[in-house]
Amino acid sequence: MWAAFILVICLMPGRHIPHVTIPHFDKVVHTGIYIVFSILTYYGWSMQSAYQSLHQKTFLKVFILLSLYGFMVEILQETLTTDRHFELLDELANASGSLIGTYIATWLVSFRQKSL
């Protein structure tokens, strides 16, 4: 669901997105969205029991998958929209958010397992 939300808001025409005058605010938004995305993904993978392979190298898998997803969305912005464009700094913000969120999720999952 969160992946679909990201795709929809990133492919919306730019004129439908509120303009904020705070410098680099969009990078903060990208980072925050991917923090949430990686926490949800990591936590979901670690709590499921059907696919044990998701429990191996979860940190690396989540980080790489979400960074690639962010890169793909940036490419789609360039190719499918007329007023949104690929920005390398947006992708770096996506990857940073994925890294930060995955660290947070690792901590949350280990904290949860210790308290059980």
Protein backbone atom coordinates (compact mmCIF):
# COMPACT_ATOMS: atom_id res chain seq x y z
CA MET A 1 0.00 0.00 0.00
CA TRP A 2 2.75 2.44 0.96
CA ALA A 3 4.60 1.69 -2.30
CA ALA A 4 1.46 2.55 -4.27
CA PHE A 5 1.03 5.77 -2.26
CA ILE A 6 4.61 6.80 -3.10
CA LEU A 7 4.09 6.04 -6.78
CA VAL A 8 0.86 8.04 -6.96
CA ILE A 9 2.20 11.14 -5.21
CA CYS A 10 5.43 11.07 -7.21
CA LEU A 11 3.60 10.83 -10.55
CA MET A 12 1.05 13.53 -9.75
CA PRO A 13 1.41 16.63 -11.89
CA GLY A 14 3.66 19.18 -10.21
CA ARG A 15 0.94 21.81 -10.26
CA HIS A 16 -1.06 19.69 -7.78
CA ILE A 17 1.74 19.68 -5.22
CA PRO A 18 1.84 22.58 -2.77
CA HIS A 19 4.84 24.85 -3.21
CA VAL A 20 6.91 25.24 -0.03
CA THR A 21 9.56 27.95 0.13
CA ILE A 22 11.76 26.17 2.67
CA PRO A 23 15.03 25.27 0.92
CA HIS A 24 15.43 21.54 0.21
CA PHE A 25 12.14 20.73 1.94
CA ASP A 26 11.36 18.21 -0.80
CA LYS A 27 14.51 16.25 0.15
CA VAL A 28 13.28 16.06 3.75
CA VAL A 29 9.93 14.77 2.47
CA HIS A 30 11.63 12.14 0.28
CA THR A 31 13.77 11.01 3.22
CA GLY A 32 10.78 10.82 5.58
CA ILE A 33 8.62 8.88 3.14
CA TYR A 34 11.35 6.29 2.64
CA ILE A 35 12.03 6.05 6.38
CA VAL A 36 8.41 5.03 6.85
CA PHE A 37 8.55 2.72 3.81
CA SER A 38 11.62 0.88 5.07
CA ILE A 39 10.29 0.52 8.63
CA LEU A 40 7.04 -0.95 7.32
CA THR A 41 8.86 -3.29 4.93
CA TYR A 42 11.49 -4.49 7.39
CA TYR A 43 8.99 -4.98 10.19
CA GLY A 44 6.54 -6.80 7.91
CA TRP A 45 9.23 -9.11 6.58
CA SER A 46 10.57 -9.90 10.04
CA MET A 47 7.11 -10.69 11.45
CA GLN A 48 5.95 -13.02 8.67
CA SER A 49 6.66 -16.74 8.82
CA ALA A 50 5.69 -17.98 5.35
CA TYR A 51 8.94 -17.01 3.60
CA GLN A 52 11.93 -17.71 5.81
CA SER A 53 14.33 -16.38 3.15
CA LEU A 54 13.11 -12.88 4.02
CA HIS A 55 14.70 -13.35 7.46
CA GLN A 56 18.17 -13.70 5.93
CA LYS A 57 20.08 -10.50 5.16
CA THR A 58 16.88 -8.54 5.68
CA PHE A 59 18.68 -5.25 6.26
CA LEU A 60 20.54 -5.45 2.96
CA LYS A 61 17.52 -6.68 1.01
CA VAL A 62 15.23 -3.91 2.28
CA PHE A 63 17.82 -1.19 1.71
CA ILE A 64 18.63 -2.30 -1.84
CA LEU A 65 15.02 -2.98 -2.84
CA LEU A 66 13.72 0.35 -1.61
CA SER A 67 16.64 2.30 -3.05
CA LEU A 68 15.98 0.67 -6.42
CA TYR A 69 12.27 1.42 -6.09
CA GLY A 70 13.08 5.08 -5.46
CA PHE A 71 15.36 5.12 -8.49
CA MET A 72 12.63 3.55 -10.63
CA VAL A 73 10.10 6.15 -9.48
CA GLU A 74 12.53 8.92 -10.40
CA ILE A 75 12.91 7.42 -13.90
CA LEU A 76 9.13 7.18 -14.22
CA GLN A 77 8.82 10.84 -13.28
CA GLU A 78 11.17 11.72 -16.11
CA THR A 79 9.49 9.51 -18.69
CA LEU A 80 5.78 9.63 -17.79
CA THR A 81 5.25 13.20 -16.61
CA THR A 82 5.74 16.51 -18.33
CA ASP A 83 6.49 18.70 -15.33
CA ARG A 84 8.30 16.27 -12.97
CA HIS A 85 11.87 15.23 -13.63
CA PHE A 86 14.55 12.78 -12.51
CA GLU A 87 16.66 14.28 -9.75
CA LEU A 88 19.71 12.50 -8.43
CA LEU A 89 19.42 14.33 -5.10
CA ASP A 90 15.87 13.01 -4.72
CA GLU A 91 17.20 9.48 -5.22
CA LEU A 92 19.94 10.12 -2.66
CA ALA A 93 17.26 11.31 -0.23
CA ASN A 94 15.24 8.15 -0.97
CA ALA A 95 18.26 5.92 -0.35
CA SER A 96 19.17 7.85 2.81
CA GLY A 97 15.64 7.44 4.11
CA SER A 98 15.80 3.73 3.32
CA LEU A 99 19.07 3.39 5.22
CA ILE A 100 17.88 5.39 8.24
CA GLY A 101 14.52 3.62 8.36
CA THR A 102 16.08 0.19 8.06
CA TYR A 103 18.38 0.98 11.01
CA ILE A 104 15.38 2.15 13.03
CA ALA A 105 13.41 -0.95 12.06
CA THR A 106 16.31 -3.22 13.05
CA TRP A 107 16.36 -1.58 16.45
CA LEU A 108 12.56 -1.79 16.83
CA VAL A 109 12.45 -5.48 15.89
CA SER A 110 15.31 -6.39 18.23
CA PHE A 111 13.69 -4.37 21.03
CA ARG A 112 10.38 -6.15 20.43
CA GLN A 113 12.03 -9.58 20.46
CA LYS A 114 13.87 -8.81 23.72
CA SER A 115 10.66 -7.72 25.42
CA LEU A 116 8.77 -10.90 24.50
